[in-house]
Amino acid sequence: MNAHSTGNVAKIVIVTLLLSLTLAGCKSKHTSDSDATVYIVNGIPGSTELKATTEDHTFTGPGFGANVLSLHLPAGAYSLGMSAKRSDGAISPLPPIRIHPLANHKYALIVQARRASFCPIPVSVKSNESQVTVVNATADPGAIDITVNSIVSFAAISSGSASQSTSLEPGTYEIAVLASGDLFKSLSEPVQLKLRGAKSYSLFVVGGASDHGLVTKLIEN
């Protein structure tokens, strides 16, 4: 595979993250080890900030193609009010979304211009193996494939969804993002990804191939 074969190759950046929540207001008094983790991703091109509001708190999230906001919430039902700030400073309200996270589970909340998707992230840990789940949080509507050492290991991940968890041996791998079903349409240059044994990872693909470029965030669960 030649990542330079397409004229609009988006460079991927790997950032290993373990982010804590950012609060505009007081810190929740209900945080515990049994909380659900909700990763919020901004999939709205041109947006510089994302906000999610519950009855008690306002959570300030990242701009388009930037970091992933990690919220730790007690299990239960929530109605999240959403808004996005544009580069000119204007605030655009978004439709609210209802979520119902379960204790000790992990989820991706992918906020896009016309919809928001709330999907579970399968997490499992096996001795001496790395578990990887890919979350397609791009602004583009098409599905993606992920190659690992030039082999398609994650196929047809639709926008706003997560793949099944896949086991990999600990080590360093070369990965790239492709348009689903097209081995010759690369959306990124190959990059190196280092995985440790007995660990679970979520690999978020964010941004847009035709805008600011794809950015890949690797989060250790």
N, C-alpha and C. Protein backbone atom coordinates (compact mmCIF):
# COMPACT_ATOMS: atom_id res chain seq x y z
N MET A 1 0.85 -1.20 0.00
CA MET A 1 0.00 0.00 0.00
C MET A 1 0.87 1.23 0.00
N ASN A 2 0.58 2.18 -0.89
CA ASN A 2 1.34 3.42 -0.97
C ASN A 2 0.45 4.55 -0.51
N ALA A 3 0.77 5.09 0.68
CA ALA A 3 -0.09 6.13 1.25
C ALA A 3 0.01 7.44 0.51
N HIS A 4 0.98 7.53 -0.41
CA HIS A 4 1.16 8.78 -1.15
C HIS A 4 0.48 8.71 -2.52
N SER A 5 -0.30 7.63 -2.78
CA SER A 5 -0.92 7.46 -4.08
C SER A 5 -2.12 8.35 -4.29
N THR A 6 -2.69 8.87 -3.25
CA THR A 6 -3.84 9.77 -3.37
C THR A 6 -3.41 11.20 -3.11
N GLY A 7 -4.06 12.14 -3.83
CA GLY A 7 -3.66 13.54 -3.73
C GLY A 7 -4.07 14.20 -2.45
N ASN A 8 -5.03 13.61 -1.74
CA ASN A 8 -5.53 14.23 -0.51
C ASN A 8 -5.28 13.33 0.67
N VAL A 9 -4.03 12.93 0.84
CA VAL A 9 -3.70 12.06 1.97
C VAL A 9 -3.65 12.89 3.24
N ALA A 10 -4.39 12.46 4.24
CA ALA A 10 -4.41 13.17 5.53
C ALA A 10 -3.43 12.51 6.47
N LYS A 11 -2.57 13.29 7.06
CA LYS A 11 -1.57 12.75 7.97
C LYS A 11 -2.20 12.42 9.31
N ILE A 12 -1.89 11.22 9.78
CA ILE A 12 -2.44 10.79 11.08
C ILE A 12 -1.44 11.10 12.18
N VAL A 13 -1.92 11.51 13.30
CA VAL A 13 -1.09 11.79 14.46
C VAL A 13 -1.56 10.88 15.57
N ILE A 14 -0.65 10.14 16.18
CA ILE A 14 -1.01 9.26 17.28
C ILE A 14 -0.71 9.96 18.58
N VAL A 15 -1.68 10.07 19.42
CA VAL A 15 -1.52 10.67 20.73
C VAL A 15 -2.07 9.70 21.75
N THR A 16 -1.25 9.29 22.70
CA THR A 16 -1.72 8.41 23.75
C THR A 16 -2.28 9.25 24.88
N LEU A 17 -3.57 9.04 25.14
CA LEU A 17 -4.28 9.91 26.06
C LEU A 17 -4.94 9.10 27.15
N LEU A 18 -4.98 9.70 28.32
CA LEU A 18 -5.85 9.22 29.38
C LEU A 18 -6.39 10.46 30.05
N LEU A 19 -7.49 10.99 29.50
CA LEU A 19 -7.97 12.31 29.85
C LEU A 19 -8.98 12.23 30.98
N SER A 20 -8.95 13.22 31.86
CA SER A 20 -9.97 13.36 32.89
C SER A 20 -10.94 14.43 32.43
N LEU A 21 -12.11 14.48 33.06
CA LEU A 21 -13.13 15.42 32.62
C LEU A 21 -12.75 16.85 32.96
N THR A 22 -13.27 17.78 32.14
CA THR A 22 -13.11 19.21 32.38
C THR A 22 -14.46 19.75 32.77
N LEU A 23 -14.52 20.46 33.88
CA LEU A 23 -15.79 20.94 34.40
C LEU A 23 -15.83 22.46 34.36
N ALA A 24 -16.94 23.00 33.86
CA ALA A 24 -17.20 24.44 34.00
C ALA A 24 -18.21 24.55 35.14
N GLY A 25 -17.71 24.60 36.34
CA GLY A 25 -18.58 24.56 37.51
C GLY A 25 -17.95 23.69 38.58
N CYS A 26 -18.73 23.26 39.56
CA CYS A 26 -18.18 22.46 40.65
C CYS A 26 -18.04 21.01 40.24
N LYS A 27 -17.14 20.33 40.87
CA LYS A 27 -16.88 18.93 40.58
C LYS A 27 -17.97 18.05 41.15
N SER A 28 -18.32 16.99 40.39
CA SER A 28 -19.37 16.10 40.85
C SER A 28 -18.97 15.40 42.14
N LYS A 29 -19.92 15.29 43.04
CA LYS A 29 -19.66 14.62 44.30
C LYS A 29 -19.94 13.12 44.23
N HIS A 30 -20.37 12.65 43.04
CA HIS A 30 -20.82 11.28 42.93
C HIS A 30 -19.82 10.38 42.21
N THR A 31 -18.63 10.88 41.91
CA THR A 31 -17.64 10.09 41.19
C THR A 31 -17.20 8.90 42.03
N SER A 32 -17.19 7.71 41.41
CA SER A 32 -16.77 6.50 42.11
C SER A 32 -16.15 5.54 41.11
N ASP A 33 -15.56 4.46 41.64
CA ASP A 33 -14.90 3.48 40.78
C ASP A 33 -15.89 2.73 39.90
N SER A 34 -17.18 2.78 40.24
CA SER A 34 -18.18 2.06 39.46
C SER A 34 -18.84 2.94 38.39
N ASP A 35 -18.37 4.17 38.24
CA ASP A 35 -18.97 5.07 37.25
C ASP A 35 -18.80 4.53 35.83
N ALA A 36 -19.70 4.96 34.96
CA ALA A 36 -19.52 4.72 33.53
C ALA A 36 -18.59 5.80 32.98
N THR A 37 -17.87 5.46 31.93
CA THR A 37 -17.01 6.41 31.24
C THR A 37 -17.61 6.71 29.87
N VAL A 38 -17.84 7.99 29.60
CA VAL A 38 -18.39 8.42 28.32
C VAL A 38 -17.36 9.32 27.64
N TYR A 39 -16.87 8.87 26.48
CA TYR A 39 -15.93 9.66 25.69
C TYR A 39 -16.73 10.50 24.69
N ILE A 40 -16.61 11.83 24.79
CA ILE A 40 -17.33 12.72 23.88
C ILE A 40 -16.37 13.23 22.81
N VAL A 41 -16.77 13.08 21.55
CA VAL A 41 -15.94 13.47 20.42
C VAL A 41 -16.67 14.52 19.60
N ASN A 42 -15.97 15.59 19.24
CA ASN A 42 -16.52 16.65 18.42
C ASN A 42 -16.29 16.32 16.95
N GLY A 43 -17.38 16.00 16.26
CA GLY A 43 -17.29 15.68 14.84
C GLY A 43 -17.93 16.73 13.96
N ILE A 44 -17.89 18.02 14.41
CA ILE A 44 -18.52 19.11 13.67
C ILE A 44 -17.43 20.01 13.08
N PRO A 45 -17.20 19.97 11.78
CA PRO A 45 -16.17 20.82 11.17
C PRO A 45 -16.40 22.30 11.47
N GLY A 46 -15.33 23.01 11.78
CA GLY A 46 -15.43 24.43 12.07
C GLY A 46 -15.78 24.76 13.50
N SER A 47 -16.06 23.74 14.31
CA SER A 47 -16.41 23.97 15.71
C SER A 47 -15.15 24.02 16.55
N THR A 48 -15.06 25.04 17.41
CA THR A 48 -13.87 25.20 18.25
C THR A 48 -14.09 24.71 19.68
N GLU A 49 -15.35 24.45 20.04
CA GLU A 49 -15.65 24.02 21.40
C GLU A 49 -17.00 23.32 21.42
N LEU A 50 -17.11 22.34 22.29
CA LEU A 50 -18.35 21.59 22.43
C LEU A 50 -18.73 21.60 23.91
N LYS A 51 -20.03 21.80 24.20
CA LYS A 51 -20.49 21.77 25.57
C LYS A 51 -21.63 20.78 25.73
N ALA A 52 -21.59 20.02 26.83
CA ALA A 52 -22.66 19.10 27.19
C ALA A 52 -23.14 19.49 28.58
N THR A 53 -24.45 19.63 28.73
CA THR A 53 -25.02 20.10 29.98
C THR A 53 -26.01 19.09 30.54
N THR A 54 -25.83 18.74 31.82
CA THR A 54 -26.80 17.93 32.54
C THR A 54 -27.58 18.86 33.46
N GLU A 55 -28.43 18.30 34.31
CA GLU A 55 -29.19 19.13 35.24
C GLU A 55 -28.27 19.82 36.25
N ASP A 56 -27.10 19.22 36.52
CA ASP A 56 -26.23 19.74 37.57
C ASP A 56 -24.96 20.41 37.08
N HIS A 57 -24.47 20.04 35.91
CA HIS A 57 -23.14 20.48 35.48
C HIS A 57 -23.10 20.79 33.99
N THR A 58 -22.09 21.58 33.62
CA THR A 58 -21.77 21.82 32.22
C THR A 58 -20.36 21.32 31.97
N PHE A 59 -20.21 20.47 30.97
CA PHE A 59 -18.91 19.89 30.63
C PHE A 59 -18.42 20.52 29.34
N THR A 60 -17.23 21.09 29.38
CA THR A 60 -16.67 21.76 28.22
C THR A 60 -15.75 20.80 27.46
N GLY A 61 -16.04 20.60 26.18
CA GLY A 61 -15.30 19.65 25.39
C GLY A 61 -14.41 20.29 24.35
N PRO A 62 -13.74 19.50 23.57
CA PRO A 62 -12.72 19.99 22.64
C PRO A 62 -13.32 20.49 21.33
N GLY A 63 -12.46 21.11 20.53
CA GLY A 63 -12.84 21.52 19.19
C GLY A 63 -12.78 20.35 18.23
N PHE A 64 -13.21 20.61 17.02
CA PHE A 64 -13.22 19.58 15.98
C PHE A 64 -11.82 19.05 15.72
N GLY A 65 -11.70 17.72 15.72
CA GLY A 65 -10.42 17.08 15.44
C GLY A 65 -9.40 17.19 16.55
N ALA A 66 -9.84 17.62 17.74
CA ALA A 66 -8.91 17.80 18.85
C ALA A 66 -9.06 16.64 19.84
N ASN A 67 -8.82 16.92 21.13
CA ASN A 67 -8.82 15.85 22.12
C ASN A 67 -10.21 15.27 22.35
N VAL A 68 -10.24 14.15 23.04
CA VAL A 68 -11.48 13.47 23.40
C VAL A 68 -11.79 13.80 24.86
N LEU A 69 -13.01 14.24 25.12
CA LEU A 69 -13.43 14.56 26.48
C LEU A 69 -13.92 13.30 27.17
N SER A 70 -13.39 13.02 28.35
CA SER A 70 -13.77 11.83 29.11
C SER A 70 -14.63 12.22 30.30
N LEU A 71 -15.89 11.79 30.31
CA LEU A 71 -16.78 12.05 31.43
C LEU A 71 -16.98 10.78 32.25
N HIS A 72 -16.94 10.93 33.56
CA HIS A 72 -17.20 9.81 34.47
C HIS A 72 -18.53 10.09 35.15
N LEU A 73 -19.54 9.27 34.82
CA LEU A 73 -20.89 9.51 35.29
C LEU A 73 -21.42 8.31 36.06
N PRO A 74 -22.15 8.54 37.14
CA PRO A 74 -22.85 7.42 37.79
C PRO A 74 -23.84 6.79 36.81
N ALA A 75 -24.07 5.50 36.94
CA ALA A 75 -25.03 4.83 36.07
C ALA A 75 -26.40 5.48 36.23
N GLY A 76 -27.13 5.57 35.11
CA GLY A 76 -28.46 6.17 35.17
C GLY A 76 -28.82 6.81 33.85
N ALA A 77 -29.97 7.46 33.81
CA ALA A 77 -30.45 8.11 32.60
C ALA A 77 -30.14 9.61 32.66
N TYR A 78 -29.69 10.15 31.54
CA TYR A 78 -29.33 11.56 31.45
C TYR A 78 -29.89 12.15 30.17
N SER A 79 -30.27 13.41 30.25
CA SER A 79 -30.60 14.18 29.06
C SER A 79 -29.52 15.25 28.91
N LEU A 80 -28.73 15.14 27.86
CA LEU A 80 -27.62 16.06 27.65
C LEU A 80 -28.04 17.16 26.68
N GLY A 81 -27.98 18.40 27.14
CA GLY A 81 -28.11 19.52 26.23
C GLY A 81 -26.78 19.78 25.56
N MET A 82 -26.76 19.97 24.26
CA MET A 82 -25.52 20.11 23.52
C MET A 82 -25.48 21.43 22.77
N SER A 83 -24.28 22.01 22.69
CA SER A 83 -24.08 23.21 21.88
C SER A 83 -22.65 23.21 21.37
N ALA A 84 -22.44 23.87 20.25
CA ALA A 84 -21.11 23.97 19.65
C ALA A 84 -20.78 25.42 19.37
N LYS A 85 -19.53 25.82 19.62
CA LYS A 85 -19.07 27.17 19.32
C LYS A 85 -18.32 27.15 18.00
N ARG A 86 -18.67 28.07 17.11
CA ARG A 86 -18.00 28.17 15.83
C ARG A 86 -16.76 29.05 15.94
N SER A 87 -15.96 29.05 14.89
CA SER A 87 -14.72 29.83 14.90
C SER A 87 -14.97 31.34 15.01
N ASP A 88 -16.16 31.79 14.61
CA ASP A 88 -16.48 33.22 14.72
C ASP A 88 -17.06 33.56 16.09
N GLY A 89 -17.13 32.59 17.00
CA GLY A 89 -17.62 32.83 18.35
C GLY A 89 -19.10 32.57 18.54
N ALA A 90 -19.83 32.36 17.45
CA ALA A 90 -21.27 32.12 17.55
C ALA A 90 -21.53 30.74 18.17
N ILE A 91 -22.60 30.63 18.95
CA ILE A 91 -22.98 29.38 19.60
C ILE A 91 -24.15 28.76 18.83
N SER A 92 -23.99 27.50 18.45
CA SER A 92 -25.05 26.79 17.74
C SER A 92 -25.63 25.72 18.64
N PRO A 93 -26.90 25.83 19.04
CA PRO A 93 -27.51 24.77 19.84
C PRO A 93 -27.70 23.51 19.01
N LEU A 94 -27.55 22.38 19.66
CA LEU A 94 -27.71 21.08 19.01
C LEU A 94 -28.86 20.34 19.68
N PRO A 95 -29.47 19.39 18.98
CA PRO A 95 -30.55 18.63 19.61
C PRO A 95 -30.05 17.90 20.85
N PRO A 96 -30.84 17.90 21.94
CA PRO A 96 -30.42 17.14 23.13
C PRO A 96 -30.43 15.65 22.85
N ILE A 97 -29.66 14.91 23.62
CA ILE A 97 -29.62 13.46 23.44
C ILE A 97 -29.77 12.80 24.81
N ARG A 98 -30.53 11.72 24.84
CA ARG A 98 -30.72 10.95 26.07
C ARG A 98 -29.78 9.76 26.05
N ILE A 99 -29.06 9.57 27.15
CA ILE A 99 -28.15 8.44 27.28
C ILE A 99 -28.46 7.70 28.58
N HIS A 100 -28.12 6.42 28.61
CA HIS A 100 -28.35 5.60 29.80
C HIS A 100 -27.15 4.69 30.02
N PRO A 101 -26.04 5.25 30.51
CA PRO A 101 -24.84 4.44 30.72
C PRO A 101 -24.99 3.49 31.90
N LEU A 102 -24.36 2.34 31.80
CA LEU A 102 -24.36 1.34 32.86
C LEU A 102 -23.06 1.42 33.65
N ALA A 103 -23.09 0.99 34.88
CA ALA A 103 -21.91 1.03 35.74
C ALA A 103 -20.77 0.22 35.15
N ASN A 104 -19.55 0.77 35.25
CA ASN A 104 -18.32 0.12 34.81
C ASN A 104 -18.30 -0.17 33.31
N HIS A 105 -19.09 0.54 32.54
CA HIS A 105 -19.07 0.38 31.09
C HIS A 105 -18.49 1.65 30.46
N LYS A 106 -18.06 1.50 29.20
CA LYS A 106 -17.48 2.62 28.47
C LYS A 106 -18.27 2.84 27.18
N TYR A 107 -18.41 4.13 26.83
CA TYR A 107 -19.23 4.50 25.68
C TYR A 107 -18.55 5.63 24.90
N ALA A 108 -18.93 5.74 23.63
CA ALA A 108 -18.52 6.88 22.81
C ALA A 108 -19.77 7.68 22.46
N LEU A 109 -19.73 8.98 22.73
CA LEU A 109 -20.78 9.90 22.30
C LEU A 109 -20.18 10.77 21.20
N ILE A 110 -20.59 10.50 19.97
CA ILE A 110 -20.02 11.16 18.80
C ILE A 110 -21.00 12.21 18.33
N VAL A 111 -20.62 13.47 18.49
CA VAL A 111 -21.51 14.59 18.16
C VAL A 111 -21.13 15.11 16.77
N GLN A 112 -22.06 14.96 15.82
CA GLN A 112 -21.85 15.42 14.47
C GLN A 112 -22.86 16.52 14.15
N ALA A 113 -22.73 17.13 12.98
CA ALA A 113 -23.53 18.31 12.66
C ALA A 113 -25.03 18.02 12.68
N ARG A 114 -25.43 16.84 12.24
CA ARG A 114 -26.86 16.56 12.11
C ARG A 114 -27.35 15.45 13.04
N ARG A 115 -26.46 14.86 13.80
CA ARG A 115 -26.89 13.79 14.70
C ARG A 115 -25.83 13.57 15.76
N ALA A 116 -26.23 12.83 16.79
CA ALA A 116 -25.28 12.39 17.81
C ALA A 116 -25.48 10.88 17.98
N SER A 117 -24.38 10.15 18.07
CA SER A 117 -24.44 8.70 18.21
C SER A 117 -23.85 8.30 19.55
N PHE A 118 -24.57 7.43 20.26
CA PHE A 118 -24.12 6.93 21.57
C PHE A 118 -23.94 5.43 21.44
N CYS A 119 -22.69 4.97 21.47
CA CYS A 119 -22.44 3.55 21.22
C CYS A 119 -21.52 2.97 22.28
N PRO A 120 -21.78 1.73 22.70
CA PRO A 120 -20.92 1.08 23.69
C PRO A 120 -19.56 0.72 23.09
N ILE A 121 -18.54 0.76 23.94
CA ILE A 121 -17.19 0.34 23.55
C ILE A 121 -16.89 -0.96 24.27
N PRO A 122 -16.76 -2.06 23.54
CA PRO A 122 -16.44 -3.33 24.22
C PRO A 122 -15.05 -3.28 24.81
N VAL A 123 -14.94 -3.65 26.07
CA VAL A 123 -13.65 -3.63 26.77
C VAL A 123 -13.43 -5.00 27.40
N SER A 124 -12.31 -5.59 27.08
CA SER A 124 -11.92 -6.85 27.71
C SER A 124 -10.40 -6.88 27.78
N VAL A 125 -9.89 -7.55 28.79
CA VAL A 125 -8.44 -7.65 28.97
C VAL A 125 -8.07 -9.12 29.09
N LYS A 126 -7.13 -9.55 28.28
CA LYS A 126 -6.63 -10.92 28.33
C LYS A 126 -5.15 -10.89 28.65
N SER A 127 -4.73 -11.86 29.41
CA SER A 127 -3.33 -11.93 29.81
C SER A 127 -2.42 -11.99 28.60
N ASN A 128 -1.42 -11.11 28.59
CA ASN A 128 -0.39 -11.07 27.56
C ASN A 128 -0.92 -10.72 26.17
N GLU A 129 -2.13 -10.16 26.09
CA GLU A 129 -2.65 -9.70 24.81
C GLU A 129 -3.12 -8.26 24.92
N SER A 130 -3.15 -7.58 23.78
CA SER A 130 -3.70 -6.23 23.70
C SER A 130 -5.07 -6.30 23.02
N GLN A 131 -6.05 -5.63 23.62
CA GLN A 131 -7.39 -5.59 23.04
C GLN A 131 -7.62 -4.19 22.46
N VAL A 132 -8.02 -4.12 21.18
CA VAL A 132 -8.18 -2.83 20.51
C VAL A 132 -9.57 -2.73 19.91
N THR A 133 -10.24 -1.60 20.18
CA THR A 133 -11.52 -1.26 19.56
C THR A 133 -11.34 0.04 18.79
N VAL A 134 -11.86 0.12 17.58
CA VAL A 134 -11.75 1.32 16.76
C VAL A 134 -13.10 2.04 16.76
N VAL A 135 -13.08 3.35 16.99
CA VAL A 135 -14.29 4.18 16.97
C VAL A 135 -14.18 5.15 15.81
N ASN A 136 -15.13 5.08 14.89
CA ASN A 136 -15.15 5.99 13.74
C ASN A 136 -15.93 7.23 14.11
N ALA A 137 -15.21 8.29 14.48
CA ALA A 137 -15.84 9.55 14.87
C ALA A 137 -15.53 10.65 13.85
N THR A 138 -15.29 10.29 12.61
CA THR A 138 -14.95 11.27 11.59
C THR A 138 -16.19 12.06 11.17
N ALA A 139 -15.94 13.21 10.57
CA ALA A 139 -17.03 14.02 10.06
C ALA A 139 -17.54 13.51 8.73
N ASP A 140 -16.78 12.66 8.06
CA ASP A 140 -17.18 12.13 6.76
C ASP A 140 -18.16 10.97 6.94
N PRO A 141 -19.14 10.86 6.05
CA PRO A 141 -20.19 9.85 6.23
C PRO A 141 -19.77 8.43 5.90
N GLY A 142 -18.67 8.25 5.18
CA GLY A 142 -18.31 6.92 4.73
C GLY A 142 -17.70 6.05 5.81
N ALA A 143 -17.76 4.73 5.57
CA ALA A 143 -17.14 3.77 6.48
C ALA A 143 -15.63 3.71 6.23
N ILE A 144 -14.91 3.21 7.22
CA ILE A 144 -13.45 3.11 7.11
C ILE A 144 -12.99 1.69 7.42
N ASP A 145 -11.81 1.36 6.91
CA ASP A 145 -11.08 0.16 7.29
C ASP A 145 -9.79 0.59 7.96
N ILE A 146 -9.29 -0.25 8.85
CA ILE A 146 -7.98 -0.02 9.48
C ILE A 146 -7.08 -1.19 9.13
N THR A 147 -5.91 -0.88 8.55
CA THR A 147 -4.94 -1.93 8.30
C THR A 147 -3.92 -1.98 9.42
N VAL A 148 -3.52 -3.18 9.78
CA VAL A 148 -2.47 -3.42 10.76
C VAL A 148 -1.39 -4.21 10.05
N ASN A 149 -0.22 -3.59 9.90
CA ASN A 149 0.87 -4.19 9.10
C ASN A 149 0.38 -4.59 7.71
N SER A 150 -0.35 -3.66 7.08
CA SER A 150 -0.84 -3.77 5.69
C SER A 150 -1.96 -4.80 5.52
N ILE A 151 -2.48 -5.34 6.60
CA ILE A 151 -3.60 -6.30 6.55
C ILE A 151 -4.83 -5.63 7.15
N VAL A 152 -5.97 -5.72 6.46
CA VAL A 152 -7.20 -5.14 6.99
C VAL A 152 -7.64 -5.94 8.21
N SER A 153 -7.54 -5.31 9.38
CA SER A 153 -7.90 -5.97 10.63
C SER A 153 -9.21 -5.47 11.22
N PHE A 154 -9.64 -4.27 10.80
CA PHE A 154 -10.91 -3.70 11.22
C PHE A 154 -11.61 -3.23 9.95
N ALA A 155 -12.75 -3.82 9.62
CA ALA A 155 -13.37 -3.55 8.33
C ALA A 155 -14.75 -2.92 8.49
N ALA A 156 -15.06 -2.03 7.55
CA ALA A 156 -16.40 -1.46 7.39
C ALA A 156 -16.96 -0.87 8.68
N ILE A 157 -16.18 -0.01 9.32
CA ILE A 157 -16.64 0.67 10.53
C ILE A 157 -17.38 1.93 10.10
N SER A 158 -18.68 1.92 10.25
CA SER A 158 -19.48 3.04 9.77
C SER A 158 -19.29 4.26 10.66
N SER A 159 -19.59 5.43 10.10
CA SER A 159 -19.45 6.68 10.85
C SER A 159 -20.38 6.67 12.05
N GLY A 160 -19.83 7.05 13.22
CA GLY A 160 -20.62 7.09 14.44
C GLY A 160 -20.77 5.75 15.12
N SER A 161 -19.87 4.81 14.83
CA SER A 161 -19.98 3.49 15.46
C SER A 161 -18.61 2.98 15.88
N ALA A 162 -18.63 1.90 16.68
CA ALA A 162 -17.40 1.27 17.16
C ALA A 162 -17.30 -0.15 16.63
N SER A 163 -16.08 -0.59 16.41
CA SER A 163 -15.85 -1.97 15.96
C SER A 163 -15.94 -2.93 17.13
N GLN A 164 -15.87 -4.21 16.83
CA GLN A 164 -15.70 -5.21 17.87
C GLN A 164 -14.25 -5.16 18.37
N SER A 165 -14.04 -5.64 19.56
CA SER A 165 -12.68 -5.67 20.12
C SER A 165 -11.88 -6.78 19.44
N THR A 166 -10.64 -6.46 19.10
CA THR A 166 -9.75 -7.41 18.43
C THR A 166 -8.49 -7.60 19.25
N SER A 167 -8.04 -8.84 19.35
CA SER A 167 -6.82 -9.16 20.11
C SER A 167 -5.59 -9.04 19.22
N LEU A 168 -4.56 -8.39 19.75
CA LEU A 168 -3.27 -8.30 19.08
C LEU A 168 -2.17 -8.64 20.07
N GLU A 169 -1.11 -9.23 19.58
CA GLU A 169 0.05 -9.49 20.42
C GLU A 169 0.70 -8.17 20.80
N PRO A 170 1.23 -8.06 22.00
CA PRO A 170 1.95 -6.82 22.35
C PRO A 170 3.09 -6.56 21.36
N GLY A 171 3.30 -5.30 21.06
CA GLY A 171 4.37 -4.96 20.14
C GLY A 171 4.06 -3.69 19.39
N THR A 172 4.87 -3.42 18.37
CA THR A 172 4.73 -2.22 17.56
C THR A 172 4.16 -2.59 16.20
N TYR A 173 3.14 -1.84 15.78
CA TYR A 173 2.45 -2.13 14.52
C TYR A 173 2.39 -0.88 13.65
N GLU A 174 2.32 -1.11 12.35
CA GLU A 174 2.09 -0.02 11.41
C GLU A 174 0.61 -0.04 11.03
N ILE A 175 -0.06 1.08 11.26
CA ILE A 175 -1.48 1.14 10.94
C ILE A 175 -1.75 2.27 9.96
N ALA A 176 -2.88 2.15 9.26
CA ALA A 176 -3.32 3.20 8.35
C ALA A 176 -4.83 3.10 8.22
N VAL A 177 -5.44 4.21 7.79
CA VAL A 177 -6.88 4.28 7.60
C VAL A 177 -7.17 4.29 6.11
N LEU A 178 -8.13 3.43 5.69
CA LEU A 178 -8.53 3.35 4.29
C LEU A 178 -10.02 3.63 4.16
N ALA A 179 -10.42 4.10 3.00
CA ALA A 179 -11.85 4.09 2.68
C ALA A 179 -12.28 2.63 2.61
N SER A 180 -13.41 2.31 3.22
CA SER A 180 -13.81 0.92 3.35
C SER A 180 -13.96 0.24 1.99
N GLY A 181 -13.33 -0.93 1.87
CA GLY A 181 -13.45 -1.73 0.66
C GLY A 181 -12.52 -1.31 -0.46
N ASP A 182 -11.68 -0.31 -0.26
CA ASP A 182 -10.80 0.18 -1.31
C ASP A 182 -9.36 0.22 -0.79
N LEU A 183 -8.59 -0.80 -1.12
CA LEU A 183 -7.21 -0.88 -0.64
C LEU A 183 -6.32 0.20 -1.24
N PHE A 184 -6.79 0.87 -2.28
CA PHE A 184 -5.96 1.87 -2.95
C PHE A 184 -6.36 3.30 -2.57
N LYS A 185 -7.38 3.45 -1.72
CA LYS A 185 -7.80 4.79 -1.31
C LYS A 185 -7.41 5.00 0.14
N SER A 186 -6.16 5.41 0.33
CA SER A 186 -5.65 5.63 1.67
C SER A 186 -6.07 7.00 2.18
N LEU A 187 -6.50 7.05 3.44
CA LEU A 187 -6.90 8.31 4.07
C LEU A 187 -5.84 8.79 5.05
N SER A 188 -4.75 8.07 5.16
CA SER A 188 -3.68 8.47 6.08
C SER A 188 -2.37 7.86 5.64
N GLU A 189 -1.30 8.45 6.12
CA GLU A 189 0.00 7.82 6.00
C GLU A 189 0.15 6.77 7.08
N PRO A 190 0.86 5.68 6.82
CA PRO A 190 1.07 4.67 7.88
C PRO A 190 1.82 5.28 9.06
N VAL A 191 1.42 4.88 10.27
CA VAL A 191 2.08 5.34 11.49
C VAL A 191 2.34 4.15 12.39
N GLN A 192 3.23 4.34 13.34
CA GLN A 192 3.59 3.28 14.27
C GLN A 192 2.70 3.35 15.52
N LEU A 193 2.26 2.22 15.95
CA LEU A 193 1.39 2.11 17.12
C LEU A 193 1.98 1.05 18.05
N LYS A 194 2.29 1.44 19.29
CA LYS A 194 2.89 0.51 20.24
C LYS A 194 1.85 0.09 21.28
N LEU A 195 1.67 -1.22 21.41
CA LEU A 195 0.67 -1.78 22.33
C LEU A 195 1.36 -2.62 23.40
N ARG A 196 0.81 -2.54 24.61
CA ARG A 196 1.34 -3.33 25.73
C ARG A 196 0.40 -4.49 26.04
N GLY A 197 0.95 -5.53 26.62
CA GLY A 197 0.17 -6.71 26.95
C GLY A 197 -0.78 -6.47 28.11
N ALA A 198 -1.86 -7.26 28.15
CA ALA A 198 -2.86 -7.18 29.21
C ALA A 198 -3.46 -5.78 29.33
N LYS A 199 -3.61 -5.09 28.18
CA LYS A 199 -4.19 -3.75 28.16
C LYS A 199 -5.31 -3.70 27.13
N SER A 200 -6.27 -2.81 27.38
CA SER A 200 -7.37 -2.57 26.45
C SER A 200 -7.29 -1.14 25.95
N TYR A 201 -7.46 -0.95 24.64
CA TYR A 201 -7.32 0.37 24.02
C TYR A 201 -8.55 0.70 23.17
N SER A 202 -8.86 1.98 23.12
CA SER A 202 -9.83 2.51 22.16
C SER A 202 -9.08 3.43 21.21
N LEU A 203 -9.22 3.17 19.92
CA LEU A 203 -8.55 3.97 18.89
C LEU A 203 -9.62 4.82 18.19
N PHE A 204 -9.62 6.12 18.50
CA PHE A 204 -10.60 7.05 17.92
C PHE A 204 -10.03 7.65 16.64
N VAL A 205 -10.81 7.60 15.57
CA VAL A 205 -10.45 8.28 14.32
C VAL A 205 -11.37 9.48 14.21
N VAL A 206 -10.79 10.68 14.29
CA VAL A 206 -11.59 11.92 14.33
C VAL A 206 -11.10 12.86 13.23
N GLY A 207 -11.86 13.94 13.03
CA GLY A 207 -11.51 14.91 12.01
C GLY A 207 -12.19 14.57 10.69
N GLY A 208 -11.65 15.09 9.61
CA GLY A 208 -12.20 14.85 8.28
C GLY A 208 -11.10 14.83 7.25
N ALA A 209 -11.16 13.87 6.35
CA ALA A 209 -10.11 13.74 5.34
C ALA A 209 -10.07 14.93 4.40
N SER A 210 -11.22 15.60 4.21
CA SER A 210 -11.27 16.71 3.26
C SER A 210 -11.18 18.08 3.94
N ASP A 211 -10.99 18.09 5.28
CA ASP A 211 -10.96 19.37 5.99
C ASP A 211 -9.62 19.54 6.69
N HIS A 212 -9.58 19.29 8.00
CA HIS A 212 -8.35 19.48 8.75
C HIS A 212 -7.48 18.23 8.78
N GLY A 213 -7.94 17.16 8.18
CA GLY A 213 -7.18 15.92 8.19
C GLY A 213 -7.60 15.01 9.33
N LEU A 214 -7.38 13.72 9.14
CA LEU A 214 -7.72 12.75 10.16
C LEU A 214 -6.71 12.78 11.30
N VAL A 215 -7.22 12.62 12.51
CA VAL A 215 -6.39 12.54 13.69
C VAL A 215 -6.81 11.29 14.45
N THR A 216 -5.85 10.52 14.88
CA THR A 216 -6.15 9.29 15.60
C THR A 216 -5.71 9.42 17.04
N LYS A 217 -6.64 9.14 17.96
CA LYS A 217 -6.37 9.23 19.40
C LYS A 217 -6.41 7.82 19.99
N LEU A 218 -5.34 7.41 20.63
CA LEU A 218 -5.28 6.11 21.27
C LEU A 218 -5.46 6.30 22.77
N ILE A 219 -6.51 5.70 23.32
CA ILE A 219 -6.82 5.84 24.74
C ILE A 219 -6.73 4.47 25.39
N GLU A 220 -5.98 4.40 26.48
CA GLU A 220 -5.90 3.16 27.24
C GLU A 220 -7.08 3.11 28.18
N ASN A 221 -7.92 2.09 28.04
CA ASN A 221 -9.12 1.99 28.86
C ASN A 221 -8.81 1.58 30.28
